[in-house]
Protein backbone atom coordinates (compact mmCIF):
# COMPACT_ATOMS: atom_id res chain seq x y z
CA MET A 1 320.15 38.90 233.43
CA THR A 2 320.06 42.02 231.49
CA GLN A 3 320.90 42.20 228.32
CA LEU A 4 323.27 44.96 227.67
CA PRO A 5 322.06 46.96 224.20
CA PRO A 6 325.22 47.00 221.46
CA PRO A 7 327.74 49.74 221.65
CA ILE A 8 326.86 52.90 219.34
CA ARG A 9 329.66 54.41 216.95
CA ARG A 10 329.70 57.34 216.90
CA ILE A 11 331.19 60.33 214.94
CA ALA A 12 331.16 63.62 214.75
CA LEU A 13 329.85 65.01 211.63
CA ASP A 14 330.15 68.60 212.28
CA GLU A 15 334.20 68.43 211.49
CA PRO A 16 335.60 69.76 208.15
CA PRO A 17 336.88 66.76 206.56
CA THR A 18 340.99 66.20 206.39
CA VAL A 19 341.76 66.10 203.07
CA VAL A 20 345.16 64.47 202.19
CA ALA A 21 347.30 65.33 199.14
CA PRO A 22 347.40 62.73 196.25
CA PRO A 23 350.02 59.31 197.01
CA GLN A 24 353.01 59.59 194.95
CA PRO A 25 353.34 57.34 192.20
CA ALA A 26 355.46 54.31 194.04
CA ALA A 27 358.37 52.12 192.56
CA GLY A 28 357.74 49.62 190.53
CA ASN A 29 354.76 48.27 188.33
CA GLY A 30 352.38 48.92 191.63
CA ALA A 31 349.37 45.74 191.23
CA THR A 32 346.16 46.14 192.61
CA HIS A 33 343.50 43.65 192.75
CA ARG A 34 342.90 43.03 188.96
CA PRO A 35 345.11 43.12 186.05
CA ARG A 36 344.69 46.62 184.26
CA PRO A 37 345.82 47.71 181.80
CA PRO A 38 348.96 50.76 180.56
CA ALA A 39 347.63 53.56 181.89
CA GLY A 40 346.48 55.86 178.68
CA PRO A 41 346.29 59.09 177.74
CA VAL A 42 344.69 61.73 180.08
CA ARG A 43 341.56 62.46 178.70
CA MET A 44 339.85 65.27 181.82
CA THR A 45 341.25 67.19 183.42
CA LEU A 46 339.51 68.79 186.48
CA GLU A 47 341.67 72.08 187.83
CA HIS A 48 340.03 73.78 191.33
CA LEU A 49 336.17 72.71 189.80
CA GLY A 50 333.60 73.66 192.07
CA VAL A 51 329.53 74.28 192.47
CA ALA A 52 326.99 75.52 194.04
CA TYR A 53 323.20 75.37 194.21
CA GLY A 54 322.16 78.77 195.59
CA ARG A 55 324.65 79.68 198.41
CA THR A 56 324.77 75.46 199.56
CA ALA A 57 328.87 74.36 198.17
CA ALA A 58 328.42 71.20 196.55
CA VAL A 59 331.74 70.63 195.51
CA LYS A 60 334.34 72.03 196.69
CA ASP A 61 337.58 73.31 194.87
CA VAL A 62 338.16 69.32 193.46
CA SER A 63 341.39 68.61 191.26
CA LEU A 64 341.86 65.30 189.19
CA LYS A 65 343.18 63.80 186.30
CA ILE A 66 340.70 61.63 184.23
CA ARG A 67 342.47 58.66 181.93
CA GLN A 68 341.77 56.39 179.27
CA GLY A 69 342.32 52.49 180.00
CA GLU A 70 340.93 53.47 183.93
CA VAL A 71 338.16 53.62 185.67
CA LEU A 72 337.43 56.29 188.25
CA ALA A 73 335.10 55.38 191.13
CA LEU A 74 333.32 58.16 193.15
CA ILE A 75 332.80 56.95 196.04
CA GLY A 76 330.72 58.72 199.73
CA PRO A 77 328.11 59.04 201.53
CA SER A 78 324.99 60.27 200.62
CA GLY A 79 324.74 64.47 199.97
CA CYS A 80 328.64 64.12 199.54
CA GLY A 81 328.56 65.92 196.00
CA LYS A 82 329.75 62.55 193.55
CA THR A 83 326.48 62.92 191.71
CA THR A 84 327.27 67.03 191.40
CA LEU A 85 330.84 66.24 190.21
CA LEU A 86 329.61 63.47 187.48
CA ARG A 87 326.85 65.56 186.30
CA THR A 88 329.13 68.90 186.16
CA LEU A 89 331.63 66.64 182.83
CA ASN A 90 329.05 67.19 180.66
CA ARG A 91 327.52 70.62 181.51
CA LEU A 92 324.07 68.74 183.14
CA THR A 93 324.42 71.00 186.02
CA GLU A 94 323.44 73.83 184.06
CA LEU A 95 320.59 72.31 183.66
CA THR A 96 319.27 73.40 186.91
CA PRO A 97 319.11 77.05 187.62
CA THR A 98 320.71 77.76 191.07
CA ALA A 99 323.48 75.80 189.77
CA ARG A 100 326.94 77.69 189.95
CA ARG A 101 331.10 76.41 188.98
CA SER A 102 333.85 77.63 189.39
CA GLY A 103 337.44 76.61 188.04
CA ARG A 104 337.86 74.64 184.73
CA ILE A 105 337.50 71.34 182.69
CA LEU A 106 338.94 69.88 180.01
CA LEU A 107 338.42 67.86 177.93
CA ASP A 108 341.88 66.39 175.97
CA GLY A 109 343.18 69.88 176.83
CA ASP A 110 340.18 72.35 175.45
CA ASP A 111 337.58 73.75 178.03
CA VAL A 112 334.54 72.16 178.06
CA ASP A 113 332.94 75.44 178.45
CA ASP A 114 334.05 76.40 174.67
CA MET A 115 332.40 73.32 173.03
CA GLU A 116 329.04 73.44 171.29
CA VAL A 117 326.99 71.63 174.75
CA THR A 118 325.56 68.92 171.96
CA THR A 119 329.33 68.22 171.06
CA LEU A 120 330.46 68.01 174.03
CA ARG A 121 327.38 65.40 175.76
CA ARG A 122 328.37 62.62 172.86
CA ARG A 123 332.34 62.91 173.67
CA VAL A 124 330.93 62.40 177.14
CA ALA A 125 328.31 60.14 177.81
CA MET A 126 326.17 59.65 180.68
CA VAL A 127 324.08 56.54 182.12
CA PHE A 128 321.84 57.33 184.24
CA GLN A 129 320.75 55.38 187.25
CA GLN A 130 317.56 53.77 186.37
CA PRO A 131 317.52 52.48 182.87
CA ASN A 132 315.90 54.64 180.31
CA PRO A 133 315.26 53.25 177.18
CA PHE A 134 312.95 54.93 174.28
CA PRO A 135 309.96 53.77 172.83
CA MET A 136 311.11 52.59 170.01
CA SER A 137 312.74 49.41 168.56
CA ILE A 138 316.48 48.00 170.06
CA PHE A 139 317.92 49.65 166.86
CA ASP A 140 316.48 52.51 167.14
CA ASN A 141 317.73 53.41 170.77
CA VAL A 142 321.30 52.72 169.57
CA ALA A 143 321.21 54.68 165.88
CA TYR A 144 319.23 57.54 167.46
CA ALA A 145 322.19 59.14 168.10
CA LEU A 146 323.83 58.49 165.35
CA ARG A 147 320.66 59.63 163.46
CA GLU A 148 320.59 62.99 165.58
CA GLN A 149 324.37 64.26 164.38
CA ALA A 150 324.59 63.18 161.10
CA SER A 151 323.91 65.77 158.52
CA ARG A 152 321.78 63.97 156.30
CA ARG A 153 319.35 60.49 157.89
CA PRO A 154 321.56 58.04 157.35
CA ARG A 155 319.82 54.27 155.40
CA ARG A 156 320.09 51.60 157.97
CA SER A 157 322.03 49.50 155.35
CA VAL A 158 324.79 51.96 156.64
CA LEU A 159 323.80 52.00 160.62
CA ALA A 160 323.36 48.37 160.56
CA PRO A 161 327.10 48.12 161.45
CA ILE A 162 327.88 50.43 163.67
CA VAL A 163 324.38 49.87 165.40
CA GLU A 164 325.64 45.85 165.52
CA ASP A 165 329.39 46.71 167.13
CA ALA A 166 327.94 48.66 169.96
CA LEU A 167 325.82 46.24 170.89
CA ARG A 168 328.65 43.75 170.99
CA ARG A 169 330.63 46.10 172.78
CA ALA A 170 327.68 46.34 174.89
CA GLY A 171 327.41 42.46 176.04
CA LEU A 172 324.11 42.61 174.40
CA TRP A 173 324.24 41.67 170.63
CA ASP A 174 323.90 37.81 170.83
CA GLU A 175 320.29 38.02 173.15
CA VAL A 176 318.78 40.15 170.68
CA ALA A 177 320.32 40.15 167.81
CA ALA A 178 317.40 37.60 165.66
CA ASP A 179 315.06 40.58 166.80
CA LEU A 180 316.89 44.46 166.73
CA ASP A 181 312.74 45.54 165.01
CA ARG A 182 311.47 44.31 169.02
CA PRO A 183 309.63 47.04 171.07
CA ALA A 184 313.47 48.11 174.07
CA LEU A 185 310.98 48.69 176.60
CA ARG A 186 310.17 44.29 176.33
CA LEU A 187 313.42 43.87 177.23
CA SER A 188 314.25 42.99 181.12
CA GLY A 189 316.03 45.66 183.40
CA GLY A 190 319.26 44.36 182.87
CA GLN A 191 319.01 44.38 178.75
CA GLN A 192 318.05 47.95 178.86
CA GLN A 193 320.82 49.10 181.27
CA ARG A 194 323.31 47.66 178.36
CA LEU A 195 321.20 49.07 175.42
CA CYS A 196 321.54 52.31 177.12
CA ILE A 197 325.18 51.37 177.59
CA ALA A 198 324.93 50.40 173.52
CA ARG A 199 323.55 53.96 173.02
CA ALA A 200 325.51 55.90 174.56
CA ILE A 201 328.96 54.05 173.35
CA ALA A 202 327.51 54.36 169.89
CA GLY A 203 329.04 58.08 168.91
CA ARG A 204 332.92 56.07 170.00
CA PRO A 205 332.71 59.04 173.12
CA GLN A 206 336.33 59.74 174.72
CA VAL A 207 334.38 59.20 178.39
CA LEU A 208 331.75 57.39 179.80
CA LEU A 209 330.05 58.84 182.98
CA MET A 210 327.73 55.82 185.03
CA ASP A 211 325.57 57.07 187.69
CA GLU A 212 324.82 54.20 189.99
CA PRO A 213 324.18 52.08 187.05
CA CYS A 214 323.66 48.82 188.78
CA SER A 215 321.69 49.93 191.60
CA ALA A 216 318.49 49.17 190.31
CA LEU A 217 319.33 45.74 188.82
CA ASP A 218 319.45 41.90 190.43
CA PRO A 219 322.99 40.53 191.18
CA ARG A 220 323.19 38.32 188.24
CA SER A 221 323.06 41.85 186.36
CA THR A 222 325.00 43.46 187.69
CA ALA A 223 327.85 41.41 187.42
CA THR A 224 327.15 41.61 183.69
CA ILE A 225 327.71 45.42 184.04
CA GLU A 226 329.99 45.57 185.74
CA GLN A 227 332.80 43.16 183.77
CA LEU A 228 331.24 45.30 181.09
CA ILE A 229 333.20 48.42 182.42
CA SER A 230 336.05 46.46 183.12
CA GLU A 231 335.77 45.53 179.18
CA LEU A 232 334.68 49.62 178.49
CA ARG A 233 337.94 50.89 180.17
CA LEU A 234 340.16 49.49 177.68
CA ASP A 235 339.13 52.01 175.25
CA LEU A 236 338.01 54.75 177.17
CA ALA A 237 337.82 56.52 180.35
CA VAL A 238 335.02 55.24 182.66
CA VAL A 239 333.07 57.15 185.99
CA ILE A 240 331.31 55.77 188.03
CA VAL A 241 329.41 57.01 191.07
CA THR A 242 328.26 53.66 193.61
CA HIS A 243 327.33 53.68 197.27
CA ASN A 244 328.39 50.02 197.12
CA LEU A 245 331.99 49.48 197.37
CA GLN A 246 332.50 46.67 197.29
CA GLN A 247 331.77 47.11 193.76
CA ALA A 248 333.97 50.29 193.52
CA LEU A 249 337.00 48.28 194.54
CA ARG A 250 335.91 45.46 191.83
CA VAL A 251 335.29 47.58 189.25
CA GLY A 252 337.22 51.01 190.29
CA ASP A 253 341.18 51.48 189.70
CA LYS A 254 341.39 54.91 191.01
CA VAL A 255 338.94 55.90 193.63
CA ALA A 256 337.99 59.01 195.03
CA PHE A 257 336.29 59.76 197.98
CA MET A 258 334.04 62.69 198.90
CA TYR A 259 332.67 64.61 202.15
CA LEU A 260 330.77 67.47 202.60
CA GLY A 261 331.83 68.99 198.87
CA ASP A 262 335.51 67.85 199.09
CA LEU A 263 337.61 65.16 197.60
CA VAL A 264 339.26 63.52 201.07
CA GLU A 265 341.33 60.90 199.56
CA TYR A 266 341.89 60.23 195.81
CA GLY A 267 344.87 56.93 195.15
CA ASP A 268 344.58 53.14 193.67
CA ALA A 269 341.33 51.58 194.79
CA ARG A 270 343.47 48.87 197.13
CA ASP A 271 345.21 51.26 198.50
CA LEU A 272 342.30 53.44 199.49
CA PHE A 273 340.08 50.88 200.55
CA SER A 274 343.65 49.17 202.59
CA ALA A 275 345.29 51.87 203.77
CA PRO A 276 343.33 54.76 203.84
CA ARG A 277 345.63 56.92 205.08
CA ALA A 278 342.54 59.89 206.14
CA ARG A 279 340.79 59.54 209.43
CA ARG A 280 337.45 60.21 207.33
CA THR A 281 338.31 57.51 204.83
CA ARG A 282 339.00 54.90 207.18
CA GLU A 283 335.68 55.78 209.12
CA TYR A 284 333.67 55.69 206.16
CA VAL A 285 335.19 52.34 204.25
CA GLN A 286 335.01 50.63 207.98
CA GLY A 287 330.86 51.59 208.10
CA ALA A 288 330.85 53.70 210.73
CA PHE A 289 328.75 56.70 208.77
CA GLY A 290 326.86 55.99 204.89
């Protein structure tokens, strides 16, 4: 008996996305998949944000708010614009000569275009996909930005409590406290990523951007980083790009689904995954395409 091949699920990719309006707040507390801190102040506001590389639009007319005390997870297939949006929040897209931006980005009510770029990137820090510790000691990795920001080079004794606090907040202190002069490149991959997080938060940013921070890590290190994200959101706003939908559900308080540069749907993580309102979102989270 000839066995038939499994049915092929097809999806039309040439249709423009149908963007749904943000959901209205529901009455009551609206419990989600895990305990959430009270919503904090709005740290960043995006108003009709658009980004294009040459004639190709990467992000189209995106408006949303990023709050302290929340993790915003950006999801969507490759090439949908989520990483471009993330990198635009601290003006990293300006490093690409062909990039053009429209709309406004506000940080605590101030236009980011009016800020000195190094100041902006201290307040809106970035952790990249691949761990990128500097070829120096653990201590000097965390202290690097603090020294760069100071008008006079601070002594190690002055920096020590700040470095310790950052390493503790990054969940790394107990593993490295006995040998802070060890070369950072000798740490494991998961430890290196937590060191990069400690370096990013040492300057007390208001927003932490994370571009697929667990994609190069093993499951155990991934679980450690996810727990860390949940703790960091108490003190700042976190925006994470991830292709892992389960991770977006685990760590995200809010989720934004992007497709072909459009923000198709935005809402509470549990609601977006259990009852998506846009057809394209439903097809994506059910695995019809990716």
